[in-house]
Amino acid sequence: MRKIKSYFKGVAFEARRIRWPKKRQLWTSVLTVCIIGLLTGLVIYFEDWITANILHGFEQINPSESSTSSDSSSASASAVQAAIALFKNSIK
């Protein structure tokens, strides 16, 4: 019990030593974080857009003739069913 009291006294002592930022400094920091977050989001968006266009260009140059959307959806459905069956067998 003494250790717990000592711990919380130490926590209270450290909490009193905290120097909180002034209002102006806080809002400057908040604005900086928001701007950096927005710029990072824009960079990621444009990188994604460029990558998608490059991949689309490759698909136009070399179209895939063997696979269709119905084939891939049925293949993925059968893969899911196989995984479920494997899971059920491993439980038994």
N, C-alpha and C. Protein backbone atom coordinates (compact mmCIF):
# COMPACT_ATOMS: atom_id res chain seq x y z
N MET A 1 0.83 -1.19 0.00
CA MET A 1 0.00 0.00 0.00
C MET A 1 0.87 1.25 0.00
N ARG A 2 1.99 1.18 0.72
CA ARG A 2 2.89 2.32 0.80
C ARG A 2 3.51 2.64 -0.56
N LYS A 3 3.83 1.58 -1.31
CA LYS A 3 4.41 1.78 -2.63
C LYS A 3 3.43 2.47 -3.57
N ILE A 4 2.17 2.10 -3.44
CA ILE A 4 1.14 2.71 -4.29
C ILE A 4 1.00 4.19 -3.96
N LYS A 5 0.94 4.53 -2.67
CA LYS A 5 0.84 5.94 -2.27
C LYS A 5 2.06 6.71 -2.75
N SER A 6 3.21 6.12 -2.59
CA SER A 6 4.45 6.78 -3.01
C SER A 6 4.44 7.02 -4.52
N TYR A 7 3.96 6.04 -5.24
CA TYR A 7 3.89 6.17 -6.70
C TYR A 7 3.00 7.35 -7.09
N PHE A 8 1.80 7.42 -6.53
CA PHE A 8 0.87 8.49 -6.89
C PHE A 8 1.34 9.85 -6.39
N LYS A 9 2.07 9.90 -5.29
CA LYS A 9 2.66 11.16 -4.85
C LYS A 9 3.69 11.62 -5.87
N GLY A 10 4.47 10.69 -6.39
CA GLY A 10 5.45 11.03 -7.43
C GLY A 10 4.78 11.51 -8.70
N VAL A 11 3.68 10.88 -9.06
CA VAL A 11 2.93 11.30 -10.25
C VAL A 11 2.40 12.71 -10.06
N ALA A 12 1.83 13.00 -8.90
CA ALA A 12 1.30 14.34 -8.62
C ALA A 12 2.41 15.38 -8.64
N PHE A 13 3.57 15.04 -8.08
CA PHE A 13 4.70 15.97 -8.07
C PHE A 13 5.16 16.28 -9.50
N GLU A 14 5.27 15.25 -10.33
CA GLU A 14 5.68 15.47 -11.72
C GLU A 14 4.62 16.26 -12.49
N ALA A 15 3.34 16.03 -12.20
CA ALA A 15 2.27 16.75 -12.89
C ALA A 15 2.32 18.24 -12.58
N ARG A 16 2.74 18.61 -11.35
CA ARG A 16 2.85 20.03 -10.99
C ARG A 16 4.02 20.68 -11.70
N ARG A 17 5.01 19.90 -12.11
CA ARG A 17 6.20 20.45 -12.76
C ARG A 17 6.00 20.70 -14.25
N ILE A 18 4.89 20.24 -14.81
CA ILE A 18 4.65 20.38 -16.25
C ILE A 18 4.47 21.85 -16.60
N ARG A 19 5.15 22.27 -17.66
CA ARG A 19 4.97 23.64 -18.18
C ARG A 19 4.07 23.56 -19.39
N TRP A 20 2.84 24.01 -19.26
CA TRP A 20 1.90 23.96 -20.36
C TRP A 20 2.18 25.13 -21.30
N PRO A 21 1.96 24.95 -22.61
CA PRO A 21 2.22 26.04 -23.55
C PRO A 21 1.18 27.15 -23.40
N LYS A 22 1.57 28.34 -23.80
CA LYS A 22 0.63 29.47 -23.82
C LYS A 22 -0.36 29.24 -24.97
N LYS A 23 -1.47 29.95 -24.93
CA LYS A 23 -2.53 29.76 -25.91
C LYS A 23 -2.03 29.99 -27.33
N ARG A 24 -1.27 31.04 -27.53
CA ARG A 24 -0.76 31.37 -28.87
C ARG A 24 0.18 30.27 -29.38
N GLN A 25 1.06 29.80 -28.51
CA GLN A 25 2.00 28.76 -28.91
C GLN A 25 1.25 27.45 -29.23
N LEU A 26 0.21 27.16 -28.47
CA LEU A 26 -0.58 25.95 -28.71
C LEU A 26 -1.23 26.00 -30.09
N TRP A 27 -1.87 27.14 -30.41
CA TRP A 27 -2.55 27.26 -31.70
C TRP A 27 -1.57 27.27 -32.86
N THR A 28 -0.37 27.82 -32.64
CA THR A 28 0.66 27.76 -33.68
C THR A 28 1.05 26.31 -33.95
N SER A 29 1.20 25.54 -32.89
CA SER A 29 1.55 24.13 -33.04
C SER A 29 0.41 23.35 -33.72
N VAL A 30 -0.82 23.63 -33.34
CA VAL A 30 -1.97 22.96 -33.94
C VAL A 30 -2.04 23.27 -35.43
N LEU A 31 -1.84 24.54 -35.79
CA LEU A 31 -1.87 24.94 -37.20
C LEU A 31 -0.74 24.27 -37.98
N THR A 32 0.44 24.18 -37.39
CA THR A 32 1.56 23.52 -38.05
C THR A 32 1.25 22.05 -38.31
N VAL A 33 0.70 21.37 -37.32
CA VAL A 33 0.37 19.96 -37.49
C VAL A 33 -0.70 19.78 -38.56
N CYS A 34 -1.70 20.64 -38.59
CA CYS A 34 -2.76 20.55 -39.60
C CYS A 34 -2.21 20.77 -41.01
N ILE A 35 -1.34 21.76 -41.17
CA ILE A 35 -0.76 22.04 -42.49
C ILE A 35 0.11 20.87 -42.95
N ILE A 36 0.94 20.35 -42.06
CA ILE A 36 1.79 19.22 -42.44
C ILE A 36 0.93 18.00 -42.77
N GLY A 37 -0.13 17.76 -42.01
CA GLY A 37 -1.03 16.65 -42.31
C GLY A 37 -1.71 16.80 -43.65
N LEU A 38 -2.16 18.02 -43.96
CA LEU A 38 -2.80 18.28 -45.25
C LEU A 38 -1.82 18.09 -46.40
N LEU A 39 -0.62 18.63 -46.26
CA LEU A 39 0.39 18.48 -47.32
C LEU A 39 0.77 17.01 -47.51
N THR A 40 0.91 16.28 -46.43
CA THR A 40 1.24 14.86 -46.53
C THR A 40 0.11 14.10 -47.23
N GLY A 41 -1.12 14.42 -46.89
CA GLY A 41 -2.27 13.79 -47.55
C GLY A 41 -2.30 14.08 -49.03
N LEU A 42 -2.00 15.33 -49.42
CA LEU A 42 -1.98 15.68 -50.84
C LEU A 42 -0.87 14.94 -51.58
N VAL A 43 0.31 14.84 -50.97
CA VAL A 43 1.42 14.12 -51.60
C VAL A 43 1.03 12.67 -51.81
N ILE A 44 0.45 12.03 -50.80
CA ILE A 44 0.04 10.62 -50.93
C ILE A 44 -1.04 10.48 -52.00
N TYR A 45 -1.98 11.41 -52.05
CA TYR A 45 -3.04 11.36 -53.06
C TYR A 45 -2.45 11.44 -54.47
N PHE A 46 -1.54 12.37 -54.69
CA PHE A 46 -0.96 12.52 -56.03
C PHE A 46 -0.06 11.35 -56.38
N GLU A 47 0.66 10.80 -55.42
CA GLU A 47 1.46 9.60 -55.70
C GLU A 47 0.56 8.43 -56.08
N ASP A 48 -0.56 8.29 -55.41
CA ASP A 48 -1.51 7.23 -55.72
C ASP A 48 -2.10 7.45 -57.11
N TRP A 49 -2.43 8.68 -57.43
CA TRP A 49 -3.01 9.01 -58.73
C TRP A 49 -2.02 8.70 -59.85
N ILE A 50 -0.77 9.09 -59.66
CA ILE A 50 0.26 8.83 -60.67
C ILE A 50 0.47 7.33 -60.84
N THR A 51 0.53 6.59 -59.73
CA THR A 51 0.71 5.15 -59.80
C THR A 51 -0.46 4.49 -60.51
N ALA A 52 -1.67 4.91 -60.22
CA ALA A 52 -2.85 4.35 -60.88
C ALA A 52 -2.81 4.61 -62.38
N ASN A 53 -2.39 5.82 -62.77
CA ASN A 53 -2.30 6.11 -64.20
C ASN A 53 -1.22 5.30 -64.88
N ILE A 54 -0.10 5.08 -64.22
CA ILE A 54 0.97 4.25 -64.79
C ILE A 54 0.47 2.82 -64.97
N LEU A 55 -0.19 2.28 -63.95
CA LEU A 55 -0.71 0.92 -64.06
C LEU A 55 -1.78 0.82 -65.14
N HIS A 56 -2.62 1.83 -65.25
CA HIS A 56 -3.64 1.85 -66.30
C HIS A 56 -2.97 1.86 -67.67
N GLY A 57 -1.89 2.62 -67.82
CA GLY A 57 -1.15 2.65 -69.08
C GLY A 57 -0.58 1.29 -69.42
N PHE A 58 -0.01 0.59 -68.43
CA PHE A 58 0.51 -0.75 -68.67
C PHE A 58 -0.60 -1.71 -69.08
N GLU A 59 -1.79 -1.57 -68.47
CA GLU A 59 -2.91 -2.43 -68.84
C GLU A 59 -3.37 -2.18 -70.27
N GLN A 60 -3.29 -0.93 -70.73
CA GLN A 60 -3.67 -0.62 -72.10
C GLN A 60 -2.65 -1.16 -73.09
N ILE A 61 -1.39 -1.14 -72.72
CA ILE A 61 -0.34 -1.65 -73.61
C ILE A 61 -0.42 -3.16 -73.72
N ASN A 62 -0.64 -3.84 -72.60
CA ASN A 62 -0.64 -5.30 -72.56
C ASN A 62 -1.91 -5.79 -71.88
N PRO A 63 -3.05 -5.81 -72.60
CA PRO A 63 -4.30 -6.22 -71.95
C PRO A 63 -4.28 -7.72 -71.62
N SER A 64 -4.91 -8.06 -70.53
CA SER A 64 -4.99 -9.45 -70.10
C SER A 64 -6.20 -10.09 -70.78
N GLU A 65 -5.95 -11.06 -71.65
CA GLU A 65 -7.03 -11.69 -72.41
C GLU A 65 -7.59 -12.92 -71.72
N SER A 66 -6.81 -13.55 -70.84
CA SER A 66 -7.23 -14.82 -70.28
C SER A 66 -8.16 -14.70 -69.09
N SER A 67 -8.11 -13.60 -68.36
CA SER A 67 -8.95 -13.50 -67.17
C SER A 67 -10.05 -12.48 -67.37
N THR A 68 -11.23 -12.84 -66.88
CA THR A 68 -12.36 -11.92 -66.90
C THR A 68 -12.80 -11.69 -65.47
N SER A 69 -13.65 -10.71 -65.29
CA SER A 69 -14.08 -10.40 -63.93
C SER A 69 -14.90 -11.52 -63.32
N SER A 70 -15.70 -12.23 -64.14
CA SER A 70 -16.50 -13.33 -63.59
C SER A 70 -15.60 -14.49 -63.18
N ASP A 71 -14.52 -14.73 -63.95
CA ASP A 71 -13.59 -15.80 -63.59
C ASP A 71 -12.89 -15.50 -62.27
N SER A 72 -12.45 -14.26 -62.11
CA SER A 72 -11.74 -13.91 -60.88
C SER A 72 -12.66 -13.91 -59.68
N SER A 73 -13.93 -13.51 -59.87
CA SER A 73 -14.85 -13.51 -58.73
C SER A 73 -15.21 -14.94 -58.33
N SER A 74 -15.38 -15.82 -59.30
CA SER A 74 -15.69 -17.21 -58.96
C SER A 74 -14.48 -17.90 -58.35
N ALA A 75 -13.29 -17.54 -58.82
CA ALA A 75 -12.08 -18.12 -58.25
C ALA A 75 -11.90 -17.66 -56.81
N SER A 76 -12.16 -16.37 -56.55
CA SER A 76 -12.01 -15.88 -55.19
C SER A 76 -13.09 -16.47 -54.28
N ALA A 77 -14.29 -16.69 -54.81
CA ALA A 77 -15.36 -17.29 -54.01
C ALA A 77 -15.01 -18.73 -53.66
N SER A 78 -14.45 -19.48 -54.62
CA SER A 78 -14.08 -20.86 -54.32
C SER A 78 -12.90 -20.90 -53.34
N ALA A 79 -12.00 -19.91 -53.41
CA ALA A 79 -10.89 -19.85 -52.47
C ALA A 79 -11.40 -19.58 -51.06
N VAL A 80 -12.40 -18.72 -50.94
CA VAL A 80 -12.99 -18.43 -49.63
C VAL A 80 -13.68 -19.67 -49.09
N GLN A 81 -14.41 -20.38 -49.94
CA GLN A 81 -15.08 -21.60 -49.50
C GLN A 81 -14.07 -22.65 -49.06
N ALA A 82 -12.95 -22.77 -49.78
CA ALA A 82 -11.92 -23.73 -49.40
C ALA A 82 -11.30 -23.35 -48.06
N ALA A 83 -11.08 -22.05 -47.83
CA ALA A 83 -10.52 -21.61 -46.56
C ALA A 83 -11.48 -21.88 -45.41
N ILE A 84 -12.76 -21.68 -45.63
CA ILE A 84 -13.76 -21.95 -44.60
C ILE A 84 -13.80 -23.44 -44.28
N ALA A 85 -13.76 -24.28 -45.32
CA ALA A 85 -13.77 -25.72 -45.11
C ALA A 85 -12.53 -26.16 -44.35
N LEU A 86 -11.38 -25.60 -44.69
CA LEU A 86 -10.14 -25.94 -43.99
C LEU A 86 -10.21 -25.52 -42.53
N PHE A 87 -10.78 -24.36 -42.27
CA PHE A 87 -10.93 -23.88 -40.90
C PHE A 87 -11.86 -24.80 -40.09
N LYS A 88 -12.97 -25.19 -40.72
CA LYS A 88 -13.93 -26.07 -40.02
C LYS A 88 -13.29 -27.42 -39.72
N ASN A 89 -12.49 -27.94 -40.66
CA ASN A 89 -11.83 -29.23 -40.43
C ASN A 89 -10.77 -29.12 -39.35
N SER A 90 -10.11 -27.99 -39.24
CA SER A 90 -9.07 -27.85 -38.22
C SER A 90 -9.67 -27.73 -36.82
N ILE A 91 -10.90 -27.27 -36.70
CA ILE A 91 -11.56 -27.14 -35.41
C ILE A 91 -11.96 -28.52 -34.89
N LYS A 92 -12.39 -29.41 -35.79
CA LYS A 92 -12.88 -30.73 -35.37
C LYS A 92 -11.80 -31.58 -34.87
